[in-house]
């Protein structure tokens, strides 16, 4: 969909709610791992803590963004005959970039530390 040259994308309400639920669960796991390792001074020098903190930061940003989307009333999408969230091109690009960044961080955790959250 394009309005005045600005691309718009539909995001289903179910998918949005599901993603928020997964983000909350993953954030709790990451926070637990950070808290578990935080008391150990040597942990702060490890690449694991740096990746976990970065992962937590990006999950938080993505969660806040998705919650902000849900604050806007869904719009009726005639193609699927139900209400969905309408996001503009910049919002869609942000979602994609955050998802890709979380995938990269997940790969780093999996291959370098044996931890996988795989939420994408």
PDB file of N, CA and C in Angstrom:
ATOM      1  N   UNK A   1       0.847  -1.167   0.000  1.00  0.00           N
ATOM      2  CA  UNK A   1       0.000   0.000   0.000  1.00  0.00           C
ATOM      3  C   UNK A   1       0.897   1.237   0.000  1.00  0.00           C
ATOM      4  N   UNK A   2       0.518   2.244  -0.765  1.00  0.00           N
ATOM      5  CA  UNK A   2       1.297   3.466  -0.840  1.00  0.00           C
ATOM      6  C   UNK A   2       0.355   4.671  -0.822  1.00  0.00           C
ATOM      7  N   UNK A   3       0.620   5.602   0.079  1.00  0.00           N
ATOM      8  CA  UNK A   3      -0.169   6.820   0.186  1.00  0.00           C
ATOM      9  C   UNK A   3       0.784   7.989   0.017  1.00  0.00           C
ATOM     10  N   UNK A   4       0.575   8.799  -1.048  1.00  0.00           N
ATOM     11  CA  UNK A   4       1.424   9.951  -1.328  1.00  0.00           C
ATOM     12  C   UNK A   4       2.900   9.561  -1.393  1.00  0.00           C
ATOM     13  N   UNK A   5       3.201   8.394  -1.963  1.00  0.00           N
ATOM     14  CA  UNK A   5       4.576   7.948  -2.134  1.00  0.00           C
ATOM     15  C   UNK A   5       5.195   7.297  -0.901  1.00  0.00           C
ATOM     16  N   UNK A   6       4.444   7.252   0.195  1.00  0.00           N
ATOM     17  CA  UNK A   6       4.953   6.621   1.421  1.00  0.00           C
ATOM     18  C   UNK A   6       4.360   5.225   1.509  1.00  0.00           C
ATOM     19  N   UNK A   7       5.243   4.236   1.582  1.00  0.00           N
ATOM     20  CA  UNK A   7       4.772   2.863   1.676  1.00  0.00           C
ATOM     21  C   UNK A   7       4.209   2.604   3.062  1.00  0.00           C
ATOM     22  N   UNK A   8       3.137   1.814   3.088  1.00  0.00           N
ATOM     23  CA  UNK A   8       2.509   1.411   4.342  1.00  0.00           C
ATOM     24  C   UNK A   8       2.426  -0.113   4.345  1.00  0.00           C
ATOM     25  N   UNK A   9       2.549  -0.704   5.532  1.00  0.00           N
ATOM     26  CA  UNK A   9       2.495  -2.149   5.676  1.00  0.00           C
ATOM     27  C   UNK A   9       1.455  -2.525   6.717  1.00  0.00           C
ATOM     28  N   UNK A  10       0.837  -3.675   6.508  1.00  0.00           N
ATOM     29  CA  UNK A  10      -0.130  -4.194   7.460  1.00  0.00           C
ATOM     30  C   UNK A  10       0.569  -5.140   8.424  1.00  0.00           C
ATOM     31  N   UNK A  11       0.216  -5.049   9.687  1.00  0.00           N
ATOM     32  CA  UNK A  11       0.760  -5.923  10.719  1.00  0.00           C
ATOM     33  C   UNK A  11      -0.432  -6.491  11.489  1.00  0.00           C
ATOM     34  N   UNK A  12      -0.588  -7.805  11.454  1.00  0.00           N
ATOM     35  CA  UNK A  12      -1.768  -8.396  12.096  1.00  0.00           C
ATOM     36  C   UNK A  12      -1.710  -8.199  13.610  1.00  0.00           C
ATOM     37  N   UNK A  13      -2.878  -8.023  14.187  1.00  0.00           N
ATOM     38  CA  UNK A  13      -2.955  -7.819  15.633  1.00  0.00           C
ATOM     39  C   UNK A  13      -2.475  -9.067  16.369  1.00  0.00           C
ATOM     40  N   UNK A  14      -2.761 -10.248  15.797  1.00  0.00           N
ATOM     41  CA  UNK A  14      -2.335 -11.500  16.433  1.00  0.00           C
ATOM     42  C   UNK A  14      -0.814 -11.625  16.431  1.00  0.00           C
ATOM     43  N   UNK A  15      -0.199 -11.314  15.287  1.00  0.00           N
ATOM     44  CA  UNK A  15       1.259 -11.390  15.188  1.00  0.00           C
ATOM     45  C   UNK A  15       1.917 -10.404  16.146  1.00  0.00           C
ATOM     46  N   UNK A  16       1.380  -9.225  16.223  1.00  0.00           N
ATOM     47  CA  UNK A  16       1.932  -8.196  17.106  1.00  0.00           C
ATOM     48  C   UNK A  16       1.862  -8.667  18.560  1.00  0.00           C
ATOM     49  N   UNK A  17       0.717  -9.194  18.980  1.00  0.00           N
ATOM     50  CA  UNK A  17       0.564  -9.687  20.356  1.00  0.00           C
ATOM     51  C   UNK A  17       1.505 -10.863  20.624  1.00  0.00           C
ATOM     52  N   UNK A  18       1.652 -11.744  19.638  1.00  0.00           N
ATOM     53  CA  UNK A  18       2.540 -12.900  19.773  1.00  0.00           C
ATOM     54  C   UNK A  18       3.997 -12.454  19.910  1.00  0.00           C
ATOM     55  N   UNK A  19       4.409 -11.494  19.098  1.00  0.00           N
ATOM     56  CA  UNK A  19       5.775 -10.987  19.160  1.00  0.00           C
ATOM     57  C   UNK A  19       6.061 -10.326  20.507  1.00  0.00           C
ATOM     58  N   UNK A  20       5.103  -9.574  21.006  1.00  0.00           N
ATOM     59  CA  UNK A  20       5.272  -8.922  22.309  1.00  0.00           C
ATOM     60  C   UNK A  20       5.436  -9.969  23.403  1.00  0.00           C
ATOM     61  N   UNK A  21       4.626 -11.010  23.361  1.00  0.00           N
ATOM     62  CA  UNK A  21       4.725 -12.093  24.336  1.00  0.00           C
ATOM     63  C   UNK A  21       6.101 -12.761  24.286  1.00  0.00           C
ATOM     64  N   UNK A  22       6.594 -13.040  23.077  1.00  0.00           N
ATOM     65  CA  UNK A  22       7.911 -13.664  22.912  1.00  0.00           C
ATOM     66  C   UNK A  22       9.034 -12.737  23.384  1.00  0.00           C
ATOM     67  N   UNK A  23       8.896 -11.451  23.085  1.00  0.00           N
ATOM     68  CA  UNK A  23       9.902 -10.486  23.528  1.00  0.00           C
ATOM     69  C   UNK A  23       9.971 -10.417  25.050  1.00  0.00           C
ATOM     70  N   UNK A  24       8.822 -10.436  25.706  1.00  0.00           N
ATOM     71  CA  UNK A  24       8.786 -10.385  27.163  1.00  0.00           C
ATOM     72  C   UNK A  24       9.442 -11.621  27.761  1.00  0.00           C
ATOM     73  N   UNK A  25       9.126 -12.793  27.217  1.00  0.00           N
ATOM     74  CA  UNK A  25       9.729 -14.038  27.713  1.00  0.00           C
ATOM     75  C   UNK A  25      11.247 -14.028  27.522  1.00  0.00           C
ATOM     76  N   UNK A  26      11.686 -13.623  26.351  1.00  0.00           N
ATOM     77  CA  UNK A  26      13.119 -13.611  26.060  1.00  0.00           C
ATOM     78  C   UNK A  26      13.837 -12.582  26.917  1.00  0.00           C
ATOM     79  N   UNK A  27      13.217 -11.425  27.109  1.00  0.00           N
ATOM     80  CA  UNK A  27      13.825 -10.385  27.947  1.00  0.00           C
ATOM     81  C   UNK A  27      14.036 -10.900  29.371  1.00  0.00           C
ATOM     82  N   UNK A  28      13.067 -11.670  29.892  1.00  0.00           N
ATOM     83  CA  UNK A  28      13.207 -12.237  31.238  1.00  0.00           C
ATOM     84  C   UNK A  28      14.392 -13.198  31.306  1.00  0.00           C
ATOM     85  N   UNK A  29      14.553 -14.025  30.272  1.00  0.00           N
ATOM     86  CA  UNK A  29      15.675 -14.967  30.242  1.00  0.00           C
ATOM     87  C   UNK A  29      17.012 -14.236  30.185  1.00  0.00           C
ATOM     88  N   UNK A  30      17.092 -13.237  29.334  1.00  0.00           N
ATOM     89  CA  UNK A  30      18.335 -12.468  29.193  1.00  0.00           C
ATOM     90  C   UNK A  30      18.652 -11.752  30.507  1.00  0.00           C
ATOM     91  N   UNK A  31      17.639 -11.138  31.093  1.00  0.00           N
ATOM     92  CA  UNK A  31      17.838 -10.442  32.363  1.00  0.00           C
ATOM     93  C   UNK A  31      18.332 -11.413  33.435  1.00  0.00           C
ATOM     94  N   UNK A  32      17.768 -12.611  33.478  1.00  0.00           N
ATOM     95  CA  UNK A  32      18.196 -13.624  34.444  1.00  0.00           C
ATOM     96  C   UNK A  32      19.676 -13.976  34.246  1.00  0.00           C
ATOM     97  N   UNK A  33      20.083 -14.172  32.988  1.00  0.00           N
ATOM     98  CA  UNK A  33      21.482 -14.496  32.714  1.00  0.00           C
ATOM     99  C   UNK A  33      22.424 -13.358  33.108  1.00  0.00           C
ATOM    100  N   UNK A  34      21.994 -12.134  32.865  1.00  0.00           N
ATOM    101  CA  UNK A  34      22.799 -10.975  33.254  1.00  0.00           C
ATOM    102  C   UNK A  34      22.931 -10.929  34.776  1.00  0.00           C
ATOM    103  N   UNK A  35      21.803 -11.078  35.475  1.00  0.00           N
ATOM    104  CA  UNK A  35      21.820 -11.030  36.941  1.00  0.00           C
ATOM    105  C   UNK A  35      22.657 -12.171  37.527  1.00  0.00           C
ATOM    106  N   UNK A  36      22.599 -13.324  36.892  1.00  0.00           N
ATOM    107  CA  UNK A  36      23.355 -14.485  37.363  1.00  0.00           C
ATOM    108  C   UNK A  36      24.866 -14.261  37.242  1.00  0.00           C
ATOM    109  N   UNK A  37      25.274 -13.586  36.210  1.00  0.00           N
ATOM    110  CA  UNK A  37      26.698 -13.358  35.959  1.00  0.00           C
ATOM    111  C   UNK A  37      27.222 -12.042  36.541  1.00  0.00           C
ATOM    112  N   UNK A  38      26.349 -11.110  36.842  1.00  0.00           N
ATOM    113  CA  UNK A  38      26.755  -9.773  37.284  1.00  0.00           C
ATOM    114  C   UNK A  38      27.641  -9.748  38.526  1.00  0.00           C
ATOM    115  N   UNK A  39      27.395 -10.578  39.534  1.00  0.00           N
ATOM    116  CA  UNK A  39      28.233 -10.501  40.739  1.00  0.00           C
ATOM    117  C   UNK A  39      29.697 -10.902  40.515  1.00  0.00           C
ATOM    118  N   UNK A  40      29.971 -11.576  39.445  1.00  0.00           N
ATOM    119  CA  UNK A  40      31.325 -12.055  39.178  1.00  0.00           C
ATOM    120  C   UNK A  40      32.092 -11.012  38.355  1.00  0.00           C
ATOM    121  N   UNK A  41      33.110 -10.435  38.964  1.00  0.00           N
ATOM    122  CA  UNK A  41      33.886  -9.368  38.333  1.00  0.00           C
ATOM    123  C   UNK A  41      34.423  -9.772  36.965  1.00  0.00           C
ATOM    124  N   UNK A  42      34.929 -11.001  36.855  1.00  0.00           N
ATOM    125  CA  UNK A  42      35.508 -11.448  35.575  1.00  0.00           C
ATOM    126  C   UNK A  42      34.452 -11.561  34.475  1.00  0.00           C
ATOM    127  N   UNK A  43      33.189 -11.731  34.865  1.00  0.00           N
ATOM    128  CA  UNK A  43      32.122 -11.837  33.865  1.00  0.00           C
ATOM    129  C   UNK A  43      31.981 -10.557  33.049  1.00  0.00           C
ATOM    130  N   UNK A  44      32.250  -9.402  33.687  1.00  0.00           N
ATOM    131  CA  UNK A  44      32.099  -8.126  32.999  1.00  0.00           C
ATOM    132  C   UNK A  44      33.146  -7.913  31.916  1.00  0.00           C
ATOM    133  N   UNK A  45      34.217  -8.674  31.981  1.00  0.00           N
ATOM    134  CA  UNK A  45      35.252  -8.590  30.950  1.00  0.00           C
ATOM    135  C   UNK A  45      35.010  -9.590  29.821  1.00  0.00           C
ATOM    136  N   UNK A  46      34.036 -10.452  29.980  1.00  0.00           N
ATOM    137  CA  UNK A  46      33.777 -11.475  28.959  1.00  0.00           C
ATOM    138  C   UNK A  46      32.882 -10.932  27.855  1.00  0.00           C
ATOM    139  N   UNK A  47      33.033 -11.512  26.682  1.00  0.00           N
ATOM    140  CA  UNK A  47      32.186 -11.094  25.560  1.00  0.00           C
ATOM    141  C   UNK A  47      30.729 -11.496  25.802  1.00  0.00           C
ATOM    142  N   UNK A  48      30.510 -12.524  26.631  1.00  0.00           N
ATOM    143  CA  UNK A  48      29.142 -12.962  26.926  1.00  0.00           C
ATOM    144  C   UNK A  48      28.323 -11.834  27.539  1.00  0.00           C
ATOM    145  N   UNK A  49      28.859 -11.168  28.536  1.00  0.00           N
ATOM    146  CA  UNK A  49      28.102 -10.089  29.190  1.00  0.00           C
ATOM    147  C   UNK A  49      27.835  -8.935  28.236  1.00  0.00           C
ATOM    148  N   UNK A  50      28.800  -8.634  27.392  1.00  0.00           N
ATOM    149  CA  UNK A  50      28.596  -7.548  26.434  1.00  0.00           C
ATOM    150  C   UNK A  50      27.452  -7.890  25.473  1.00  0.00           C
ATOM    151  N   UNK A  51      27.438  -9.116  24.985  1.00  0.00           N
ATOM    152  CA  UNK A  51      26.383  -9.530  24.049  1.00  0.00           C
ATOM    153  C   UNK A  51      25.040  -9.594  24.761  1.00  0.00           C
ATOM    154  N   UNK A  52      25.011 -10.117  25.990  1.00  0.00           N
ATOM    155  CA  UNK A  52      23.753 -10.185  26.738  1.00  0.00           C
ATOM    156  C   UNK A  52      23.181  -8.794  26.996  1.00  0.00           C
ATOM    157  N   UNK A  53      24.039  -7.856  27.370  1.00  0.00           N
ATOM    158  CA  UNK A  53      23.569  -6.485  27.611  1.00  0.00           C
ATOM    159  C   UNK A  53      23.059  -5.831  26.327  1.00  0.00           C
ATOM    160  N   UNK A  54      23.761  -6.058  25.241  1.00  0.00           N
ATOM    161  CA  UNK A  54      23.312  -5.509  23.959  1.00  0.00           C
ATOM    162  C   UNK A  54      21.987  -6.147  23.537  1.00  0.00           C
ATOM    163  N   UNK A  55      21.877  -7.457  23.732  1.00  0.00           N
ATOM    164  CA  UNK A  55      20.642  -8.174  23.409  1.00  0.00           C
ATOM    165  C   UNK A  55      19.479  -7.599  24.214  1.00  0.00           C
ATOM    166  N   UNK A  56      19.709  -7.387  25.517  1.00  0.00           N
ATOM    167  CA  UNK A  56      18.664  -6.830  26.382  1.00  0.00           C
ATOM    168  C   UNK A  56      18.247  -5.445  25.909  1.00  0.00           C
ATOM    169  N   UNK A  57      19.219  -4.628  25.543  1.00  0.00           N
ATOM    170  CA  UNK A  57      18.923  -3.277  25.059  1.00  0.00           C
ATOM    171  C   UNK A  57      18.037  -3.313  23.821  1.00  0.00           C
ATOM    172  N   UNK A  58      18.374  -4.162  22.865  1.00  0.00           N
ATOM    173  CA  UNK A  58      17.608  -4.206  21.613  1.00  0.00           C
ATOM    174  C   UNK A  58      16.241  -4.867  21.790  1.00  0.00           C
ATOM    175  N   UNK A  59      16.152  -5.829  22.688  1.00  0.00           N
ATOM    176  CA  UNK A  59      14.831  -6.402  22.991  1.00  0.00           C
ATOM    177  C   UNK A  59      13.948  -5.328  23.607  1.00  0.00           C
ATOM    178  N   UNK A  60      14.513  -4.545  24.521  1.00  0.00           N
ATOM    179  CA  UNK A  60      13.751  -3.475  25.162  1.00  0.00           C
ATOM    180  C   UNK A  60      13.251  -2.466  24.125  1.00  0.00           C
ATOM    181  N   UNK A  61      14.130  -2.070  23.200  1.00  0.00           N
ATOM    182  CA  UNK A  61      13.729  -1.113  22.160  1.00  0.00           C
ATOM    183  C   UNK A  61      12.623  -1.687  21.282  1.00  0.00           C
ATOM    184  N   UNK A  62      12.772  -2.949  20.891  1.00  0.00           N
ATOM    185  CA  UNK A  62      11.770  -3.592  20.032  1.00  0.00           C
ATOM    186  C   UNK A  62      10.441  -3.728  20.776  1.00  0.00           C
ATOM    187  N   UNK A  63      10.496  -4.110  22.032  1.00  0.00           N
ATOM    188  CA  UNK A  63       9.279  -4.254  22.829  1.00  0.00           C
ATOM    189  C   UNK A  63       8.558  -2.918  22.962  1.00  0.00           C
ATOM    190  N   UNK A  64       9.280  -1.870  23.282  1.00  0.00           N
ATOM    191  CA  UNK A  64       8.672  -0.547  23.392  1.00  0.00           C
ATOM    192  C   UNK A  64       8.037  -0.114  22.075  1.00  0.00           C
ATOM    193  N   UNK A  65       8.732  -0.391  20.986  1.00  0.00           N
ATOM    194  CA  UNK A  65       8.232  -0.030  19.661  1.00  0.00           C
ATOM    195  C   UNK A  65       6.929  -0.771  19.357  1.00  0.00           C
ATOM    196  N   UNK A  66       6.917  -2.088  19.627  1.00  0.00           N
ATOM    197  CA  UNK A  66       5.717  -2.893  19.354  1.00  0.00           C
ATOM    198  C   UNK A  66       4.552  -2.447  20.244  1.00  0.00           C
ATOM    199  N   UNK A  67       4.843  -2.121  21.498  1.00  0.00           N
ATOM    200  CA  UNK A  67       3.789  -1.626  22.392  1.00  0.00           C
ATOM    201  C   UNK A  67       3.241  -0.293  21.896  1.00  0.00           C
ATOM    202  N   UNK A  68       4.104   0.561  21.377  1.00  0.00           N
ATOM    203  CA  UNK A  68       3.660   1.845  20.816  1.00  0.00           C
ATOM    204  C   UNK A  68       2.745   1.628  19.619  1.00  0.00           C
ATOM    205  N   UNK A  69       3.065   0.643  18.786  1.00  0.00           N
ATOM    206  CA  UNK A  69       2.213   0.336  17.637  1.00  0.00           C
ATOM    207  C   UNK A  69       0.821  -0.070  18.110  1.00  0.00           C
ATOM    208  N   UNK A  70       0.783  -0.858  19.189  1.00  0.00           N
ATOM    209  CA  UNK A  70      -0.503  -1.342  19.688  1.00  0.00           C
ATOM    210  C   UNK A  70      -1.342  -0.247  20.340  1.00  0.00           C
ATOM    211  N   UNK A  71      -0.738   0.903  20.627  1.00  0.00           N
ATOM    212  CA  UNK A  71      -1.500   2.015  21.198  1.00  0.00           C
ATOM    213  C   UNK A  71      -2.414   2.666  20.164  1.00  0.00           C
ATOM    214  N   UNK A  72      -2.071   2.484  18.894  1.00  0.00           N
ATOM    215  CA  UNK A  72      -2.865   3.063  17.810  1.00  0.00           C
ATOM    216  C   UNK A  72      -3.980   2.082  17.449  1.00  0.00           C
ATOM    217  N   UNK A  73      -5.166   2.603  17.257  1.00  0.00           N
ATOM    218  CA  UNK A  73      -6.308   1.750  16.915  1.00  0.00           C
ATOM    219  C   UNK A  73      -6.066   1.058  15.574  1.00  0.00           C
ATOM    220  N   UNK A  74      -6.291  -0.268  15.531  1.00  0.00           N
ATOM    221  CA  UNK A  74      -6.145  -0.982  14.254  1.00  0.00           C
ATOM    222  C   UNK A  74      -7.109  -0.439  13.196  1.00  0.00           C
ATOM    223  N   UNK A  75      -6.733  -0.616  11.942  1.00  0.00           N
ATOM    224  CA  UNK A  75      -7.515  -0.150  10.796  1.00  0.00           C
ATOM    225  C   UNK A  75      -8.041  -1.377  10.063  1.00  0.00           C
ATOM    226  N   UNK A  76      -9.229  -1.259   9.497  1.00  0.00           N
ATOM    227  CA  UNK A  76      -9.818  -2.381   8.768  1.00  0.00           C
ATOM    228  C   UNK A  76      -9.060  -2.595   7.450  1.00  0.00           C
ATOM    229  N   UNK A  77      -8.520  -3.802   7.279  1.00  0.00           N
ATOM    230  CA  UNK A  77      -7.814  -4.180   6.055  1.00  0.00           C
ATOM    231  C   UNK A  77      -8.787  -4.967   5.186  1.00  0.00           C
ATOM    232  N   UNK A  78      -9.179  -4.389   4.069  1.00  0.00           N
ATOM    233  CA  UNK A  78     -10.168  -5.023   3.195  1.00  0.00           C
ATOM    234  C   UNK A  78      -9.656  -6.319   2.574  1.00  0.00           C
ATOM    235  N   UNK A  79      -8.340  -6.425   2.346  1.00  0.00           N
ATOM    236  CA  UNK A  79      -7.788  -7.631   1.723  1.00  0.00           C
ATOM    237  C   UNK A  79      -7.987  -8.874   2.575  1.00  0.00           C
ATOM    238  N   UNK A  80      -7.831  -8.742   3.877  1.00  0.00           N
ATOM    239  CA  UNK A  80      -7.975  -9.896   4.772  1.00  0.00           C
ATOM    240  C   UNK A  80      -9.269  -9.837   5.582  1.00  0.00           C
ATOM    241  N   UNK A  81     -10.013  -8.751   5.386  1.00  0.00           N
ATOM    242  CA  UNK A  81     -11.307  -8.556   6.030  1.00  0.00           C
ATOM    243  C   UNK A  81     -11.246  -8.625   7.552  1.00  0.00           C
ATOM    244  N   UNK A  82     -10.260  -7.947   8.102  1.00  0.00           N
ATOM    245  CA  UNK A  82     -10.160  -7.821   9.557  1.00  0.00           C
ATOM    246  C   UNK A  82      -9.300  -6.607   9.893  1.00  0.00           C
ATOM    247  N   UNK A  83      -9.335  -6.212  11.156  1.00  0.00           N
ATOM    248  CA  UNK A  83      -8.546  -5.065  11.584  1.00  0.00           C
ATOM    249  C   UNK A  83      -7.092  -5.464  11.796  1.00  0.00           C
ATOM    250  N   UNK A  84      -6.195  -4.585  11.339  1.00  0.00           N
ATOM    251  CA  UNK A  84      -4.760  -4.786  11.495  1.00  0.00           C
ATOM    252  C   UNK A  84      -4.112  -3.435  11.767  1.00  0.00           C
ATOM    253  N   UNK A  85      -2.878  -3.491  12.237  1.00  0.00           N
ATOM    254  CA  UNK A  85      -2.127  -2.254  12.449  1.00  0.00           C
ATOM    255  C   UNK A  85      -1.497  -1.832  11.130  1.00  0.00           C
ATOM    256  N   UNK A  86      -1.560  -0.555  10.853  1.00  0.00           N
ATOM    257  CA  UNK A  86      -0.970  -0.002   9.645  1.00  0.00           C
ATOM    258  C   UNK A  86       0.301   0.739  10.047  1.00  0.00           C
ATOM    259  N   UNK A  87       1.438   0.278   9.534  1.00  0.00           N
ATOM    260  CA  UNK A  87       2.714   0.913   9.866  1.00  0.00           C
ATOM    261  C   UNK A  87       3.316   1.516   8.598  1.00  0.00           C
ATOM    262  N   UNK A  88       3.972   2.645   8.752  1.00  0.00           N
ATOM    263  CA  UNK A  88       4.568   3.291   7.589  1.00  0.00           C
ATOM    264  C   UNK A  88       5.956   2.720   7.322  1.00  0.00           C
ATOM    265  N   UNK A  89       6.532   3.115   6.230  1.00  0.00           N
ATOM    266  CA  UNK A  89       7.787   2.550   5.735  1.00  0.00           C
ATOM    267  C   UNK A  89       8.920   2.612   6.763  1.00  0.00           C
ATOM    268  N   UNK A  90       9.065   3.735   7.439  1.00  0.00           N
ATOM    269  CA  UNK A  90      10.141   3.869   8.428  1.00  0.00           C
ATOM    270  C   UNK A  90       9.933   2.907   9.600  1.00  0.00           C
ATOM    271  N   UNK A  91       8.678   2.736  10.025  1.00  0.00           N
ATOM    272  CA  UNK A  91       8.393   1.789  11.105  1.00  0.00           C
ATOM    273  C   UNK A  91       8.687   0.360  10.661  1.00  0.00           C
ATOM    274  N   UNK A  92       8.310   0.038   9.434  1.00  0.00           N
ATOM    275  CA  UNK A  92       8.594  -1.290   8.894  1.00  0.00           C
ATOM    276  C   UNK A  92      10.091  -1.541   8.803  1.00  0.00           C
ATOM    277  N   UNK A  93      10.844  -0.534   8.394  1.00  0.00           N
ATOM    278  CA  UNK A  93      12.304  -0.662   8.304  1.00  0.00           C
ATOM    279  C   UNK A  93      12.917  -0.850   9.689  1.00  0.00           C
ATOM    280  N   UNK A  94      12.374  -0.153  10.690  1.00  0.00           N
ATOM    281  CA  UNK A  94      12.879  -0.301  12.051  1.00  0.00           C
ATOM    282  C   UNK A  94      12.649  -1.726  12.564  1.00  0.00           C
ATOM    283  N   UNK A  95      11.459  -2.252  12.340  1.00  0.00           N
ATOM    284  CA  UNK A  95      11.139  -3.616  12.774  1.00  0.00           C
ATOM    285  C   UNK A  95      12.084  -4.609  12.116  1.00  0.00           C
ATOM    286  N   UNK A  96      12.287  -4.462  10.812  1.00  0.00           N
ATOM    287  CA  UNK A  96      13.179  -5.380  10.089  1.00  0.00           C
ATOM    288  C   UNK A  96      14.615  -5.274  10.596  1.00  0.00           C
ATOM    289  N   UNK A  97      15.087  -4.056  10.809  1.00  0.00           N
ATOM    290  CA  UNK A  97      16.477  -3.888  11.245  1.00  0.00           C
ATOM    291  C   UNK A  97      16.677  -4.435  12.660  1.00  0.00           C
ATOM    292  N   UNK A  98      15.722  -4.200  13.543  1.00  0.00           N
ATOM    293  CA  UNK A  98      15.827  -4.740  14.903  1.00  0.00           C
ATOM    294  C   UNK A  98      15.788  -6.270  14.888  1.00  0.00           C
ATOM    295  N   UNK A  99      14.905  -6.838  14.067  1.00  0.00           N
ATOM    296  CA  UNK A  99      14.811  -8.297  13.965  1.00  0.00           C
ATOM    297  C   UNK A  99      16.125  -8.872  13.442  1.00  0.00           C
ATOM    298  N   UNK A 100      16.706  -8.233  12.436  1.00  0.00           N
ATOM    299  CA  UNK A 100      17.990  -8.706  11.896  1.00  0.00           C
ATOM    300  C   UNK A 100      19.111  -8.581  12.920  1.00  0.00           C
ATOM    301  N   UNK A 101      19.123  -7.499  13.666  1.00  0.00           N
ATOM    302  CA  UNK A 101      20.140  -7.325  14.696  1.00  0.00           C
ATOM    303  C   UNK A 101      19.996  -8.392  15.783  1.00  0.00           C
ATOM    304  N   UNK A 102      18.768  -8.676  16.200  1.00  0.00           N
ATOM    305  CA  UNK A 102      18.551  -9.720  17.201  1.00  0.00           C
ATOM    306  C   UNK A 102      18.968 -11.090  16.667  1.00  0.00           C
ATOM    307  N   UNK A 103      18.769 -11.326  15.373  1.00  0.00           N
ATOM    308  CA  UNK A 103      19.222 -12.588  14.774  1.00  0.00           C
ATOM    309  C   UNK A 103      20.745 -12.700  14.852  1.00  0.00           C
ATOM    310  N   UNK A 104      21.433 -11.609  14.536  1.00  0.00           N
ATOM    311  CA  UNK A 104      22.903 -11.616  14.602  1.00  0.00           C
ATOM    312  C   UNK A 104      23.405 -11.842  16.027  1.00  0.00           C
ATOM    313  N   UNK A 105      22.774 -11.179  16.977  1.00  0.00           N
ATOM    314  CA  UNK A 105      23.168 -11.368  18.373  1.00  0.00           C
ATOM    315  C   UNK A 105      22.873 -12.796  18.828  1.00  0.00           C
ATOM    316  N   UNK A 106      21.748 -13.352  18.361  1.00  0.00           N
ATOM    317  CA  UNK A 106      21.400 -14.728  18.695  1.00  0.00           C
ATOM    318  C   UNK A 106      22.435 -15.698  18.128  1.00  0.00           C
ATOM    319  N   UNK A 107      22.884 -15.442  16.901  1.00  0.00           N
ATOM    320  CA  UNK A 107      23.926 -16.280  16.304  1.00  0.00           C
ATOM    321  C   UNK A 107      25.232 -16.186  17.088  1.00  0.00           C
ATOM    322  N   UNK A 108      25.591 -14.977  17.504  1.00  0.00           N
ATOM    323  CA  UNK A 108      26.794 -14.792  18.314  1.00  0.00           C
ATOM    324  C   UNK A 108      26.686 -15.595  19.611  1.00  0.00           C
ATOM    325  N   UNK A 109      25.548 -15.479  20.284  1.00  0.00           N
ATOM    326  CA  UNK A 109      25.359 -16.223  21.533  1.00  0.00           C
ATOM    327  C   UNK A 109      25.400 -17.731  21.302  1.00  0.00           C
ATOM    328  N   UNK A 110      24.787 -18.179  20.220  1.00  0.00           N
ATOM    329  CA  UNK A 110      24.729 -19.615  19.942  1.00  0.00           C
ATOM    330  C   UNK A 110      26.109 -20.183  19.635  1.00  0.00           C
ATOM    331  N   UNK A 111      26.817 -19.544  18.721  1.00  0.00           N
ATOM    332  CA  UNK A 111      28.091 -20.102  18.262  1.00  0.00           C
ATOM    333  C   UNK A 111      29.267 -19.807  19.189  1.00  0.00           C
ATOM    334  N   UNK A 112      29.225 -18.704  19.906  1.00  0.00           N
ATOM    335  CA  UNK A 112      30.351 -18.357  20.771  1.00  0.00           C
ATOM    336  C   UNK A 112      30.145 -18.701  22.244  1.00  0.00           C
ATOM    337  N   UNK A 113      28.859 -18.907  22.633  1.00  0.00           N
ATOM    338  CA  UNK A 113      28.589 -19.132  24.051  1.00  0.00           C
ATOM    339  C   UNK A 113      27.628 -20.297  24.312  1.00  0.00           C
ATOM    340  N   UNK A 114      27.122 -20.938  23.264  1.00  0.00           N
ATOM    341  CA  UNK A 114      26.231 -22.082  23.431  1.00  0.00           C
ATOM    342  C   UNK A 114      24.867 -21.730  23.973  1.00  0.00           C
ATOM    343  N   UNK A 115      24.420 -20.482  23.771  1.00  0.00           N
ATOM    344  CA  UNK A 115      23.110 -20.025  24.252  1.00  0.00           C
ATOM    345  C   UNK A 115      22.278 -19.608  23.049  1.00  0.00           C
ATOM    346  N   UNK A 116      20.997 -20.008  23.018  1.00  0.00           N
ATOM    347  CA  UNK A 116      20.137 -19.592  21.920  1.00  0.00           C
ATOM    348  C   UNK A 116      18.763 -19.209  22.436  1.00  0.00           C
ATOM    349  N   UNK A 117      18.303 -18.049  22.020  1.00  0.00           N
ATOM    350  CA  UNK A 117      16.970 -17.587  22.361  1.00  0.00           C
ATOM    351  C   UNK A 117      16.023 -17.731  21.166  1.00  0.00           C
ATOM    352  N   UNK A 118      16.554 -17.754  19.971  1.00  0.00           N
ATOM    353  CA  UNK A 118      15.843 -17.856  18.714  1.00  0.00           C
ATOM    354  C   UNK A 118      14.365 -17.497  18.842  1.00  0.00           C
ATOM    355  N   UNK A 119      14.087 -16.214  18.697  1.00  0.00           N
ATOM    356  CA  UNK A 119      12.720 -15.717  18.841  1.00  0.00           C
ATOM    357  C   UNK A 119      12.165 -15.122  17.553  1.00  0.00           C
ATOM    358  N   UNK A 120      12.889 -15.187  16.460  1.00  0.00           N
ATOM    359  CA  UNK A 120      12.474 -14.485  15.249  1.00  0.00           C
ATOM    360  C   UNK A 120      11.631 -15.347  14.391  1.00  0.00           C
TER     361      UNK A 120
END
